[in-house]
C-alpha atoms as a PDB file:
ATOM      1  CA  MET A   1       0.000   0.000   0.000  1.00  0.00           C
ATOM      2  CA  ASP A   2       1.243   3.433  -0.847  1.00  0.00           C
ATOM      3  CA  VAL A   3       2.681   5.477   2.027  1.00  0.00           C
ATOM      4  CA  TRP A   4       0.511   8.485   1.256  1.00  0.00           C
ATOM      5  CA  ILE A   5      -2.664   6.436   1.559  1.00  0.00           C
ATOM      6  CA  VAL A   6      -1.625   5.164   4.980  1.00  0.00           C
ATOM      7  CA  VAL A   7      -0.631   8.648   6.117  1.00  0.00           C
ATOM      8  CA  SER A   8      -3.907  10.176   4.926  1.00  0.00           C
ATOM      9  CA  LYS A   9      -5.904   7.418   6.650  1.00  0.00           C
ATOM     10  CA  LEU A  10      -4.137   8.079   9.945  1.00  0.00           C
ATOM     11  CA  ILE A  11      -4.468  11.861   9.660  1.00  0.00           C
ATOM     12  CA  GLY A  12      -8.156  11.492   8.793  1.00  0.00           C
ATOM     13  CA  ALA A  13      -8.747   9.186  11.749  1.00  0.00           C
ATOM     14  CA  GLY A  14      -6.950  11.572  14.094  1.00  0.00           C
ATOM     15  CA  LEU A  15      -8.961  14.516  12.830  1.00  0.00           C
ATOM     16  CA  ALA A  16     -12.205  12.535  13.070  1.00  0.00           C
ATOM     17  CA  ILE A  17     -11.788  11.649  16.740  1.00  0.00           C
ATOM     18  CA  GLY A  18     -10.085  14.917  17.651  1.00  0.00           C
ATOM     19  CA  LEU A  19     -12.730  17.181  16.170  1.00  0.00           C
ATOM     20  CA  GLY A  20     -15.507  14.748  17.066  1.00  0.00           C
ATOM     21  CA  ALA A  21     -14.617  14.901  20.764  1.00  0.00           C
ATOM     22  CA  ILE A  22     -14.453  18.695  21.072  1.00  0.00           C
ATOM     23  CA  GLY A  23     -18.216  19.214  20.964  1.00  0.00           C
ATOM     24  CA  PRO A  24     -19.135  16.540  23.505  1.00  0.00           C
ATOM     25  CA  GLY A  25     -16.340  17.728  25.808  1.00  0.00           C
ATOM     26  CA  ILE A  26     -17.656  21.273  25.790  1.00  0.00           C
ATOM     27  CA  GLY A  27     -21.230  20.007  26.142  1.00  0.00           C
ATOM     28  CA  VAL A  28     -20.442  17.858  29.175  1.00  0.00           C
ATOM     29  CA  GLY A  29     -18.658  20.802  30.797  1.00  0.00           C
ATOM     30  CA  ILE A  30     -21.614  23.110  30.238  1.00  0.00           C
ATOM     31  CA  LEU A  31     -24.038  20.453  31.503  1.00  0.00           C
ATOM     32  CA  GLY A  32     -22.015  19.931  34.662  1.00  0.00           C
ATOM     33  CA  MET A  33     -21.749  23.675  35.274  1.00  0.00           C
ATOM     34  CA  GLY A  34     -25.486  24.142  34.805  1.00  0.00           C
ATOM     35  CA  ALA A  35     -26.311  21.253  37.108  1.00  0.00           C
ATOM     36  CA  MET A  36     -24.020  22.556  39.852  1.00  0.00           C
ATOM     37  CA  ASN A  37     -25.556  26.029  39.557  1.00  0.00           C
ATOM     38  CA  ALA A  38     -29.039  24.539  39.752  1.00  0.00           C
ATOM     39  CA  LEU A  39     -28.119  22.406  42.763  1.00  0.00           C
ATOM     40  CA  GLY A  40     -26.656  25.438  44.499  1.00  0.00           C
ATOM     41  CA  ARG A  41     -29.860  27.387  43.971  1.00  0.00           C
ATOM     42  CA  ASN A  42     -32.330  24.584  44.711  1.00  0.00           C
ATOM     43  CA  PRO A  43     -30.837  21.606  46.589  1.00  0.00           C
ATOM     44  CA  GLU A  44     -34.255  19.984  47.089  1.00  0.00           C
ATOM     45  CA  ALA A  45     -34.527  19.261  43.338  1.00  0.00           C
ATOM     46  CA  ARG A  46     -31.384  17.091  43.373  1.00  0.00           C
ATOM     47  CA  GLY A  47     -32.985  13.950  41.942  1.00  0.00           C
ATOM     48  CA  ILE A  48     -34.592  15.601  38.929  1.00  0.00           C
ATOM     49  CA  ILE A  49     -31.519  17.725  38.166  1.00  0.00           C
ATOM     50  CA  MET A  50     -29.094  14.797  38.407  1.00  0.00           C
ATOM     51  CA  THR A  51     -31.306  12.547  36.277  1.00  0.00           C
ATOM     52  CA  ASN A  52     -31.572  15.132  33.518  1.00  0.00           C
ATOM     53  CA  MET A  53     -27.839  15.904  33.709  1.00  0.00           C
ATOM     54  CA  ILE A  54     -26.850  12.243  33.377  1.00  0.00           C
ATOM     55  CA  LEU A  55     -29.245  11.781  30.446  1.00  0.00           C
ATOM     56  CA  GLY A  56     -27.809  14.846  28.680  1.00  0.00           C
ATOM     57  CA  ILE A  57     -24.242  13.660  29.279  1.00  0.00           C
ATOM     58  CA  ALA A  58     -25.105  10.246  27.832  1.00  0.00           C
ATOM     59  CA  PHE A  59     -26.448  11.862  24.653  1.00  0.00           C
ATOM     60  CA  ALA A  60     -23.374  14.084  24.353  1.00  0.00           C
ATOM     61  CA  GLU A  61     -21.011  11.147  24.820  1.00  0.00           C
ATOM     62  CA  ALA A  62     -22.871   9.181  22.127  1.00  0.00           C
ATOM     63  CA  VAL A  63     -21.591  11.700  19.578  1.00  0.00           C
ATOM     64  CA  ALA A  64     -18.001  11.080  20.725  1.00  0.00           C
ATOM     65  CA  ILE A  65     -18.528   7.329  20.423  1.00  0.00           C
ATOM     66  CA  TYR A  66     -19.768   7.789  16.849  1.00  0.00           C
ATOM     67  CA  ALA A  67     -16.613   9.774  16.054  1.00  0.00           C
ATOM     68  CA  LEU A  68     -14.503   6.995  17.572  1.00  0.00           C
ATOM     69  CA  VAL A  69     -16.259   4.391  15.422  1.00  0.00           C
ATOM     70  CA  ILE A  70     -15.628   6.471  12.301  1.00  0.00           C
ATOM     71  CA  ALA A  71     -11.954   6.846  13.231  1.00  0.00           C
ATOM     72  CA  ILE A  72     -11.592   3.085  13.748  1.00  0.00           C
ATOM     73  CA  LEU A  73     -13.311   2.414  10.422  1.00  0.00           C
ATOM     74  CA  LEU A  74     -10.935   4.813   8.679  1.00  0.00           C
ATOM     75  CA  ILE A  75      -7.910   3.044  10.131  1.00  0.00           C
ATOM     76  CA  PHE A  76      -8.881  -0.590   9.651  1.00  0.00           C
ATOM     77  CA  VAL A  77     -11.460  -0.783   6.853  1.00  0.00           C
ATOM     78  CA  VAL A  78     -10.821   1.894   4.249  1.00  0.00           C
END
C-alpha cells in the first residue's frame, strides 16, 4: 500500500476523533456547570436535576462514540 494512503488514513482518523470529541467535551462541561448552579440554587430538586444531567451527558457522549467508530473504520477498513 502506498505510504501516502496510509498517512492520509491516519491523519483522517486523528482529525475525526479529535474534532468529534471537542463538541461533547464542551457540552459535558456546560451540563455539569449548569447542574451545579441549579443544585446550588435549589438543593431539594437534586434527583430531577441529576437525572436530567446524566441523560444529557449520555447523549453528548454518544456523539463522541460515533466519532470513535468512524476513526476506527478509517484506520482498519478503508
